Amino acid sequence: MSEREEHVIDDGWAQGELLEVMESWPMQLLVRIGEEDVILEVSPEATITFGEAAGSARDLQPGRQVRVHLEHLKGYPSSRLTHEVEIHPAAEP
């Protein structure tokens, strides 16, 4: 078991609306998942995809739908970390 796996208490995918991108290090995202607004720390090694292509932090814009892989970390019950962010492109009119 890796050191990272040792500290993860649960993980899974969630989908929501990106509300805010906080320009901190590491980057943080405010995402509305269901009825809850969740702050996510984005791992510096995170994979970002935009549709079917590779994406970047520049593609993270408020109002976009995202799918994120969440991890809760032991000792930090309110902290959530993500290593993967999928951005859903807006439908063409």
PDB file of N, CA and C in Angstrom:
ATOM      1  N   MET A   1       0.846  -1.175   0.000  1.00  0.00           N
ATOM      2  CA  MET A   1       0.000   0.000   0.000  1.00  0.00           C
ATOM      3  C   MET A   1       0.895   1.243   0.000  1.00  0.00           C
ATOM      4  N   SER A   2       0.603   2.199  -0.895  1.00  0.00           N
ATOM      5  CA  SER A   2       1.412   3.409  -0.982  1.00  0.00           C
ATOM      6  C   SER A   2       1.096   4.324   0.190  1.00  0.00           C
ATOM      7  N   GLU A   3       1.976   5.298   0.426  1.00  0.00           N
ATOM      8  CA  GLU A   3       1.750   6.257   1.506  1.00  0.00           C
ATOM      9  C   GLU A   3       0.455   7.026   1.267  1.00  0.00           C
ATOM     10  N   ARG A   4       0.170   7.383   0.004  1.00  0.00           N
ATOM     11  CA  ARG A   4      -1.061   8.105  -0.323  1.00  0.00           C
ATOM     12  C   ARG A   4      -2.274   7.240   0.000  1.00  0.00           C
ATOM     13  N   GLU A   5      -2.264   5.979  -0.415  1.00  0.00           N
ATOM     14  CA  GLU A   5      -3.389   5.074  -0.163  1.00  0.00           C
ATOM     15  C   GLU A   5      -3.618   4.870   1.331  1.00  0.00           C
ATOM     16  N   GLU A   6      -2.545   4.906   2.103  1.00  0.00           N
ATOM     17  CA  GLU A   6      -2.626   4.708   3.537  1.00  0.00           C
ATOM     18  C   GLU A   6      -3.440   5.815   4.212  1.00  0.00           C
ATOM     19  N   HIS A   7      -3.478   7.014   3.626  1.00  0.00           N
ATOM     20  CA  HIS A   7      -4.137   8.153   4.237  1.00  0.00           C
ATOM     21  C   HIS A   7      -5.531   8.419   3.683  1.00  0.00           C
ATOM     22  N   VAL A   8      -5.945   7.683   2.660  1.00  0.00           N
ATOM     23  CA  VAL A   8      -7.266   7.882   2.062  1.00  0.00           C
ATOM     24  C   VAL A   8      -8.286   7.041   2.810  1.00  0.00           C
ATOM     25  N   ILE A   9      -9.382   7.679   3.279  1.00  0.00           N
ATOM     26  CA  ILE A   9     -10.398   6.912   3.992  1.00  0.00           C
ATOM     27  C   ILE A   9     -11.569   6.539   3.093  1.00  0.00           C
ATOM     28  N   ASP A  10     -11.821   7.300   2.052  1.00  0.00           N
ATOM     29  CA  ASP A  10     -12.785   6.893   1.038  1.00  0.00           C
ATOM     30  C   ASP A  10     -12.547   7.727  -0.205  1.00  0.00           C
ATOM     31  N   ASP A  11     -13.028   7.223  -1.311  1.00  0.00           N
ATOM     32  CA  ASP A  11     -12.853   7.974  -2.540  1.00  0.00           C
ATOM     33  C   ASP A  11     -13.940   7.580  -3.517  1.00  0.00           C
ATOM     34  N   GLY A  12     -14.113   8.401  -4.536  1.00  0.00           N
ATOM     35  CA  GLY A  12     -15.116   8.126  -5.548  1.00  0.00           C
ATOM     36  C   GLY A  12     -15.327   9.330  -6.445  1.00  0.00           C
ATOM     37  N   TRP A  13     -16.129   9.131  -7.467  1.00  0.00           N
ATOM     38  CA  TRP A  13     -16.406  10.183  -8.438  1.00  0.00           C
ATOM     39  C   TRP A  13     -17.639  10.971  -8.038  1.00  0.00           C
ATOM     40  N   ALA A  14     -17.618  12.274  -8.325  1.00  0.00           N
ATOM     41  CA  ALA A  14     -18.770  13.148  -8.105  1.00  0.00           C
ATOM     42  C   ALA A  14     -18.836  14.143  -9.252  1.00  0.00           C
ATOM     43  N   GLN A  15     -20.035  14.587  -9.555  1.00  0.00           N
ATOM     44  CA  GLN A  15     -20.232  15.549 -10.625  1.00  0.00           C
ATOM     45  C   GLN A  15     -20.913  16.781 -10.059  1.00  0.00           C
ATOM     46  N   GLY A  16     -20.547  17.958 -10.571  1.00  0.00           N
ATOM     47  CA  GLY A  16     -21.160  19.180 -10.089  1.00  0.00           C
ATOM     48  C   GLY A  16     -20.796  20.365 -10.955  1.00  0.00           C
ATOM     49  N   GLU A  17     -21.187  21.534 -10.469  1.00  0.00           N
ATOM     50  CA  GLU A  17     -20.920  22.785 -11.181  1.00  0.00           C
ATOM     51  C   GLU A  17     -19.738  23.490 -10.532  1.00  0.00           C
ATOM     52  N   LEU A  18     -18.786  23.894 -11.353  1.00  0.00           N
ATOM     53  CA  LEU A  18     -17.631  24.646 -10.870  1.00  0.00           C
ATOM     54  C   LEU A  18     -18.086  26.071 -10.561  1.00  0.00           C
ATOM     55  N   LEU A  19     -17.947  26.483  -9.305  1.00  0.00           N
ATOM     56  CA  LEU A  19     -18.372  27.814  -8.886  1.00  0.00           C
ATOM     57  C   LEU A  19     -17.235  28.817  -8.868  1.00  0.00           C
ATOM     58  N   GLU A  20     -16.046  28.351  -8.464  1.00  0.00           N
ATOM     59  CA  GLU A  20     -14.916  29.277  -8.316  1.00  0.00           C
ATOM     60  C   GLU A  20     -13.604  28.519  -8.418  1.00  0.00           C
ATOM     61  N   VAL A  21     -12.608  29.167  -9.011  1.00  0.00           N
ATOM     62  CA  VAL A  21     -11.239  28.650  -9.054  1.00  0.00           C
ATOM     63  C   VAL A  21     -10.403  29.578  -8.179  1.00  0.00           C
ATOM     64  N   MET A  22      -9.831  29.028  -7.115  1.00  0.00           N
ATOM     65  CA  MET A  22      -9.023  29.835  -6.198  1.00  0.00           C
ATOM     66  C   MET A  22      -7.561  29.692  -6.583  1.00  0.00           C
ATOM     67  N   GLU A  23      -6.945  30.803  -6.872  1.00  0.00           N
ATOM     68  CA  GLU A  23      -5.561  30.800  -7.330  1.00  0.00           C
ATOM     69  C   GLU A  23      -4.620  30.730  -6.144  1.00  0.00           C
ATOM     70  N   SER A  24      -4.600  29.577  -5.530  1.00  0.00           N
ATOM     71  CA  SER A  24      -3.721  29.314  -4.404  1.00  0.00           C
ATOM     72  C   SER A  24      -2.759  28.204  -4.829  1.00  0.00           C
ATOM     73  N   TRP A  25      -1.835  27.859  -3.971  1.00  0.00           N
ATOM     74  CA  TRP A  25      -0.972  26.711  -4.254  1.00  0.00           C
ATOM     75  C   TRP A  25      -1.081  25.749  -3.091  1.00  0.00           C
ATOM     76  N   PRO A  26      -1.530  24.539  -3.298  1.00  0.00           N
ATOM     77  CA  PRO A  26      -2.076  24.059  -4.570  1.00  0.00           C
ATOM     78  C   PRO A  26      -3.430  24.707  -4.880  1.00  0.00           C
ATOM     79  N   MET A  27      -3.802  24.663  -6.151  1.00  0.00           N
ATOM     80  CA  MET A  27      -5.054  25.247  -6.593  1.00  0.00           C
ATOM     81  C   MET A  27      -6.225  24.599  -5.856  1.00  0.00           C
ATOM     82  N   GLN A  28      -7.259  25.405  -5.594  1.00  0.00           N
ATOM     83  CA  GLN A  28      -8.470  24.891  -4.977  1.00  0.00           C
ATOM     84  C   GLN A  28      -9.661  25.257  -5.853  1.00  0.00           C
ATOM     85  N   LEU A  29     -10.648  24.373  -5.856  1.00  0.00           N
ATOM     86  CA  LEU A  29     -11.878  24.591  -6.606  1.00  0.00           C
ATOM     87  C   LEU A  29     -13.053  24.573  -5.650  1.00  0.00           C
ATOM     88  N   LEU A  30     -14.015  25.449  -5.884  1.00  0.00           N
ATOM     89  CA  LEU A  30     -15.281  25.401  -5.172  1.00  0.00           C
ATOM     90  C   LEU A  30     -16.295  24.805  -6.138  1.00  0.00           C
ATOM     91  N   VAL A  31     -16.823  23.643  -5.787  1.00  0.00           N
ATOM     92  CA  VAL A  31     -17.721  22.901  -6.665  1.00  0.00           C
ATOM     93  C   VAL A  31     -19.028  22.629  -5.930  1.00  0.00           C
ATOM     94  N   ARG A  32     -20.148  22.893  -6.594  1.00  0.00           N
ATOM     95  CA  ARG A  32     -21.459  22.548  -6.014  1.00  0.00           C
ATOM     96  C   ARG A  32     -21.769  21.119  -6.436  1.00  0.00           C
ATOM     97  N   ILE A  33     -21.825  20.243  -5.450  1.00  0.00           N
ATOM     98  CA  ILE A  33     -22.141  18.837  -5.678  1.00  0.00           C
ATOM     99  C   ILE A  33     -23.464  18.580  -4.972  1.00  0.00           C
ATOM    100  N   GLY A  34     -24.507  18.406  -5.763  1.00  0.00           N
ATOM    101  CA  GLY A  34     -25.848  18.281  -5.184  1.00  0.00           C
ATOM    102  C   GLY A  34     -26.223  19.582  -4.503  1.00  0.00           C
ATOM    103  N   GLU A  35     -26.510  19.511  -3.219  1.00  0.00           N
ATOM    104  CA  GLU A  35     -26.895  20.692  -2.431  1.00  0.00           C
ATOM    105  C   GLU A  35     -25.711  21.295  -1.680  1.00  0.00           C
ATOM    106  N   GLU A  36     -24.538  20.682  -1.792  1.00  0.00           N
ATOM    107  CA  GLU A  36     -23.391  21.074  -0.979  1.00  0.00           C
ATOM    108  C   GLU A  36     -22.320  21.761  -1.824  1.00  0.00           C
ATOM    109  N   ASP A  37     -21.761  22.861  -1.296  1.00  0.00           N
ATOM    110  CA  ASP A  37     -20.611  23.511  -1.915  1.00  0.00           C
ATOM    111  C   ASP A  37     -19.357  22.943  -1.258  1.00  0.00           C
ATOM    112  N   VAL A  38     -18.480  22.376  -2.075  1.00  0.00           N
ATOM    113  CA  VAL A  38     -17.325  21.646  -1.574  1.00  0.00           C
ATOM    114  C   VAL A  38     -16.043  22.296  -2.090  1.00  0.00           C
ATOM    115  N   ILE A  39     -15.092  22.525  -1.183  1.00  0.00           N
ATOM    116  CA  ILE A  39     -13.777  23.028  -1.589  1.00  0.00           C
ATOM    117  C   ILE A  39     -12.872  21.826  -1.808  1.00  0.00           C
ATOM    118  N   LEU A  40     -12.273  21.776  -2.985  1.00  0.00           N
ATOM    119  CA  LEU A  40     -11.373  20.682  -3.347  1.00  0.00           C
ATOM    120  C   LEU A  40      -9.964  21.209  -3.538  1.00  0.00           C
ATOM    121  N   GLU A  41      -9.002  20.524  -2.976  1.00  0.00           N
ATOM    122  CA  GLU A  41      -7.608  20.822  -3.262  1.00  0.00           C
ATOM    123  C   GLU A  41      -7.223  19.992  -4.482  1.00  0.00           C
ATOM    124  N   VAL A  42      -6.667  20.650  -5.490  1.00  0.00           N
ATOM    125  CA  VAL A  42      -6.266  19.964  -6.712  1.00  0.00           C
ATOM    126  C   VAL A  42      -4.792  19.586  -6.581  1.00  0.00           C
ATOM    127  N   SER A  43      -4.528  18.298  -6.663  1.00  0.00           N
ATOM    128  CA  SER A  43      -3.148  17.827  -6.572  1.00  0.00           C
ATOM    129  C   SER A  43      -2.315  18.470  -7.683  1.00  0.00           C
ATOM    130  N   PRO A  44      -1.068  18.864  -7.394  1.00  0.00           N
ATOM    131  CA  PRO A  44      -0.203  19.407  -8.449  1.00  0.00           C
ATOM    132  C   PRO A  44       0.000  18.422  -9.603  1.00  0.00           C
ATOM    133  N   GLU A  45      -0.186  17.131  -9.352  1.00  0.00           N
ATOM    134  CA  GLU A  45      -0.025  16.112 -10.401  1.00  0.00           C
ATOM    135  C   GLU A  45      -1.368  15.742 -11.035  1.00  0.00           C
ATOM    136  N   ALA A  46      -2.421  16.509 -10.759  1.00  0.00           N
ATOM    137  CA  ALA A  46      -3.758  16.159 -11.241  1.00  0.00           C
ATOM    138  C   ALA A  46      -3.829  16.113 -12.763  1.00  0.00           C
ATOM    139  N   THR A  47      -4.673  15.207 -13.242  1.00  0.00           N
ATOM    140  CA  THR A  47      -4.972  15.106 -14.668  1.00  0.00           C
ATOM    141  C   THR A  47      -6.254  15.886 -14.921  1.00  0.00           C
ATOM    142  N   ILE A  48      -6.202  16.819 -15.886  1.00  0.00           N
ATOM    143  CA  ILE A  48      -7.374  17.606 -16.260  1.00  0.00           C
ATOM    144  C   ILE A  48      -7.699  17.278 -17.705  1.00  0.00           C
ATOM    145  N   THR A  49      -8.947  16.884 -17.958  1.00  0.00           N
ATOM    146  CA  THR A  49      -9.379  16.638 -19.335  1.00  0.00           C
ATOM    147  C   THR A  49     -10.538  17.560 -19.660  1.00  0.00           C
ATOM    148  N   PHE A  50     -10.602  17.972 -20.924  1.00  0.00           N
ATOM    149  CA  PHE A  50     -11.666  18.845 -21.416  1.00  0.00           C
ATOM    150  C   PHE A  50     -12.324  18.123 -22.570  1.00  0.00           C
ATOM    151  N   GLY A  51     -13.496  17.550 -22.303  1.00  0.00           N
ATOM    152  CA  GLY A  51     -14.115  16.684 -23.307  1.00  0.00           C
ATOM    153  C   GLY A  51     -13.254  15.448 -23.460  1.00  0.00           C
ATOM    154  N   GLU A  52     -12.840  15.158 -24.665  1.00  0.00           N
ATOM    155  CA  GLU A  52     -12.001  13.981 -24.941  1.00  0.00           C
ATOM    156  C   GLU A  52     -10.514  14.315 -24.970  1.00  0.00           C
ATOM    157  N   ALA A  53     -10.171  15.603 -24.867  1.00  0.00           N
ATOM    158  CA  ALA A  53      -8.776  16.030 -25.018  1.00  0.00           C
ATOM    159  C   ALA A  53      -8.158  16.392 -23.669  1.00  0.00           C
ATOM    160  N   ALA A  54      -6.833  16.475 -23.673  1.00  0.00           N
ATOM    161  CA  ALA A  54      -6.135  16.952 -22.481  1.00  0.00           C
ATOM    162  C   ALA A  54      -6.529  18.402 -22.242  1.00  0.00           C
ATOM    163  N   GLY A  55      -6.714  18.755 -20.993  1.00  0.00           N
ATOM    164  CA  GLY A  55      -7.069  20.120 -20.642  1.00  0.00           C
ATOM    165  C   GLY A  55      -6.018  20.716 -19.737  1.00  0.00           C
ATOM    166  N   SER A  56      -6.278  21.937 -19.282  1.00  0.00           N
ATOM    167  CA  SER A  56      -5.350  22.604 -18.375  1.00  0.00           C
ATOM    168  C   SER A  56      -6.150  23.456 -17.401  1.00  0.00           C
ATOM    169  N   ALA A  57      -5.459  24.048 -16.458  1.00  0.00           N
ATOM    170  CA  ALA A  57      -6.119  24.894 -15.470  1.00  0.00           C
ATOM    171  C   ALA A  57      -6.864  26.048 -16.146  1.00  0.00           C
ATOM    172  N   ARG A  58      -6.410  26.484 -17.308  1.00  0.00           N
ATOM    173  CA  ARG A  58      -7.097  27.574 -18.030  1.00  0.00           C
ATOM    174  C   ARG A  58      -8.502  27.173 -18.456  1.00  0.00           C
ATOM    175  N   ASP A  59      -8.764  25.879 -18.576  1.00  0.00           N
ATOM    176  CA  ASP A  59     -10.092  25.393 -18.970  1.00  0.00           C
ATOM    177  C   ASP A  59     -11.075  25.374 -17.805  1.00  0.00           C
ATOM    178  N   LEU A  60     -10.576  25.543 -16.591  1.00  0.00           N
ATOM    179  CA  LEU A  60     -11.430  25.524 -15.401  1.00  0.00           C
ATOM    180  C   LEU A  60     -12.074  26.893 -15.244  1.00  0.00           C
ATOM    181  N   GLN A  61     -13.335  27.000 -15.654  1.00  0.00           N
ATOM    182  CA  GLN A  61     -14.048  28.271 -15.608  1.00  0.00           C
ATOM    183  C   GLN A  61     -15.368  28.092 -14.865  1.00  0.00           C
ATOM    184  N   PRO A  62     -15.712  29.059 -13.999  1.00  0.00           N
ATOM    185  CA  PRO A  62     -16.985  28.982 -13.287  1.00  0.00           C
ATOM    186  C   PRO A  62     -18.148  28.785 -14.250  1.00  0.00           C
ATOM    187  N   GLY A  63     -19.102  27.972 -13.800  1.00  0.00           N
ATOM    188  CA  GLY A  63     -20.280  27.673 -14.605  1.00  0.00           C
ATOM    189  C   GLY A  63     -20.169  26.378 -15.377  1.00  0.00           C
ATOM    190  N   ARG A  64     -18.965  25.861 -15.543  1.00  0.00           N
ATOM    191  CA  ARG A  64     -18.787  24.596 -16.267  1.00  0.00           C
ATOM    192  C   ARG A  64     -19.127  23.418 -15.370  1.00  0.00           C
ATOM    193  N   GLN A  65     -19.639  22.370 -16.010  1.00  0.00           N
ATOM    194  CA  GLN A  65     -19.896  21.116 -15.311  1.00  0.00           C
ATOM    195  C   GLN A  65     -18.599  20.320 -15.267  1.00  0.00           C
ATOM    196  N   VAL A  66     -18.299  19.772 -14.094  1.00  0.00           N
ATOM    197  CA  VAL A  66     -17.080  18.992 -13.926  1.00  0.00           C
ATOM    198  C   VAL A  66     -17.405  17.676 -13.237  1.00  0.00           C
ATOM    199  N   ARG A  67     -16.556  16.718 -13.479  1.00  0.00           N
ATOM    200  CA  ARG A  67     -16.599  15.430 -12.779  1.00  0.00           C
ATOM    201  C   ARG A  67     -15.241  15.295 -12.120  1.00  0.00           C
ATOM    202  N   VAL A  68     -15.237  15.037 -10.817  1.00  0.00           N
ATOM    203  CA  VAL A  68     -13.984  15.005 -10.071  1.00  0.00           C
ATOM    204  C   VAL A  68     -13.880  13.704  -9.290  1.00  0.00           C
ATOM    205  N   HIS A  69     -12.668  13.232  -9.160  1.00  0.00           N
ATOM    206  CA  HIS A  69     -12.407  12.067  -8.335  1.00  0.00           C
ATOM    207  C   HIS A  69     -11.977  12.585  -6.969  1.00  0.00           C
ATOM    208  N   LEU A  70     -12.803  12.327  -5.953  1.00  0.00           N
ATOM    209  CA  LEU A  70     -12.582  12.855  -4.604  1.00  0.00           C
ATOM    210  C   LEU A  70     -11.919  11.825  -3.705  1.00  0.00           C
ATOM    211  N   GLU A  71     -11.107  12.334  -2.797  1.00  0.00           N
ATOM    212  CA  GLU A  71     -10.533  11.508  -1.742  1.00  0.00           C
ATOM    213  C   GLU A  71     -10.668  12.271  -0.438  1.00  0.00           C
ATOM    214  N   HIS A  72     -11.146  11.610   0.615  1.00  0.00           N
ATOM    215  CA  HIS A  72     -11.114  12.145   1.974  1.00  0.00           C
ATOM    216  C   HIS A  72      -9.820  11.670   2.599  1.00  0.00           C
ATOM    217  N   LEU A  73      -9.175  12.526   3.339  1.00  0.00           N
ATOM    218  CA  LEU A  73      -7.912  12.148   3.944  1.00  0.00           C
ATOM    219  C   LEU A  73      -8.073  11.963   5.454  1.00  0.00           C
ATOM    220  N   LYS A  74      -7.427  10.940   6.014  1.00  0.00           N
ATOM    221  CA  LYS A  74      -7.462  10.692   7.452  1.00  0.00           C
ATOM    222  C   LYS A  74      -6.954  11.921   8.196  1.00  0.00           C
ATOM    223  N   GLY A  75      -7.633  12.276   9.268  1.00  0.00           N
ATOM    224  CA  GLY A  75      -7.200  13.396  10.084  1.00  0.00           C
ATOM    225  C   GLY A  75      -7.681  14.748   9.568  1.00  0.00           C
ATOM    226  N   TYR A  76      -8.286  14.775   8.387  1.00  0.00           N
ATOM    227  CA  TYR A  76      -8.770  16.017   7.792  1.00  0.00           C
ATOM    228  C   TYR A  76     -10.185  15.776   7.284  1.00  0.00           C
ATOM    229  N   PRO A  77     -11.178  15.669   8.182  1.00  0.00           N
ATOM    230  CA  PRO A  77     -12.521  15.259   7.777  1.00  0.00           C
ATOM    231  C   PRO A  77     -13.188  16.185   6.777  1.00  0.00           C
ATOM    232  N   SER A  78     -12.847  17.468   6.786  1.00  0.00           N
ATOM    233  CA  SER A  78     -13.501  18.381   5.845  1.00  0.00           C
ATOM    234  C   SER A  78     -12.674  18.599   4.581  1.00  0.00           C
ATOM    235  N   SER A  79     -11.475  18.048   4.524  1.00  0.00           N
ATOM    236  CA  SER A  79     -10.621  18.231   3.348  1.00  0.00           C
ATOM    237  C   SER A  79     -10.912  17.177   2.301  1.00  0.00           C
ATOM    238  N   ARG A  80     -10.893  17.618   1.061  1.00  0.00           N
ATOM    239  CA  ARG A  80     -11.053  16.696  -0.055  1.00  0.00           C
ATOM    240  C   ARG A  80      -9.990  17.027  -1.081  1.00  0.00           C
ATOM    241  N   LEU A  81      -9.403  16.003  -1.631  1.00  0.00           N
ATOM    242  CA  LEU A  81      -8.328  16.130  -2.593  1.00  0.00           C
ATOM    243  C   LEU A  81      -8.782  15.493  -3.899  1.00  0.00           C
ATOM    244  N   THR A  82      -8.375  16.061  -5.020  1.00  0.00           N
ATOM    245  CA  THR A  82      -8.674  15.435  -6.294  1.00  0.00           C
ATOM    246  C   THR A  82      -7.408  15.302  -7.130  1.00  0.00           C
ATOM    247  N   HIS A  83      -7.290  14.157  -7.788  1.00  0.00           N
ATOM    248  CA  HIS A  83      -6.186  13.896  -8.717  1.00  0.00           C
ATOM    249  C   HIS A  83      -6.676  13.883 -10.160  1.00  0.00           C
ATOM    250  N   GLU A  84      -7.992  13.940 -10.357  1.00  0.00           N
ATOM    251  CA  GLU A  84      -8.561  13.906 -11.708  1.00  0.00           C
ATOM    252  C   GLU A  84      -9.741  14.854 -11.798  1.00  0.00           C
ATOM    253  N   VAL A  85      -9.741  15.704 -12.848  1.00  0.00           N
ATOM    254  CA  VAL A  85     -10.850  16.616 -13.110  1.00  0.00           C
ATOM    255  C   VAL A  85     -11.237  16.459 -14.575  1.00  0.00           C
ATOM    256  N   GLU A  86     -12.497  16.166 -14.818  1.00  0.00           N
ATOM    257  CA  GLU A  86     -13.023  16.084 -16.188  1.00  0.00           C
ATOM    258  C   GLU A  86     -13.968  17.261 -16.378  1.00  0.00           C
ATOM    259  N   ILE A  87     -13.713  18.081 -17.381  1.00  0.00           N
ATOM    260  CA  ILE A  87     -14.548  19.233 -17.679  1.00  0.00           C
ATOM    261  C   ILE A  87     -15.463  18.871 -18.831  1.00  0.00           C
ATOM    262  N   HIS A  88     -16.750  19.098 -18.657  1.00  0.00           N
ATOM    263  CA  HIS A  88     -17.718  18.805 -19.720  1.00  0.00           C
ATOM    264  C   HIS A  88     -17.922  20.051 -20.547  1.00  0.00           C
ATOM    265  N   PRO A  89     -17.581  20.013 -21.835  1.00  0.00           N
ATOM    266  CA  PRO A  89     -17.777  21.184 -22.679  1.00  0.00           C
ATOM    267  C   PRO A  89     -19.269  21.519 -22.787  1.00  0.00           C
ATOM    268  N   ALA A  90     -19.562  22.794 -22.883  1.00  0.00           N
ATOM    269  CA  ALA A  90     -20.968  23.215 -23.034  1.00  0.00           C
ATOM    270  C   ALA A  90     -21.504  22.696 -24.358  1.00  0.00           C
ATOM    271  N   ALA A  91     -22.765  22.353 -24.353  1.00  0.00           N
ATOM    272  CA  ALA A  91     -23.414  21.870 -25.582  1.00  0.00           C
ATOM    273  C   ALA A  91     -23.482  23.026 -26.594  1.00  0.00           C
ATOM    274  N   GLU A  92     -23.302  22.714 -27.849  1.00  0.00           N
ATOM    275  CA  GLU A  92     -23.401  23.723 -28.900  1.00  0.00           C
ATOM    276  C   GLU A  92     -24.867  24.097 -29.082  1.00  0.00           C
ATOM    277  N   PRO A  93     -25.177  25.408 -29.268  1.00  0.00           N
ATOM    278  CA  PRO A  93     -26.580  25.806 -29.452  1.00  0.00           C
ATOM    279  C   PRO A  93     -27.155  25.333 -30.762  1.00  0.00           C
TER     280      PRO A  93
END
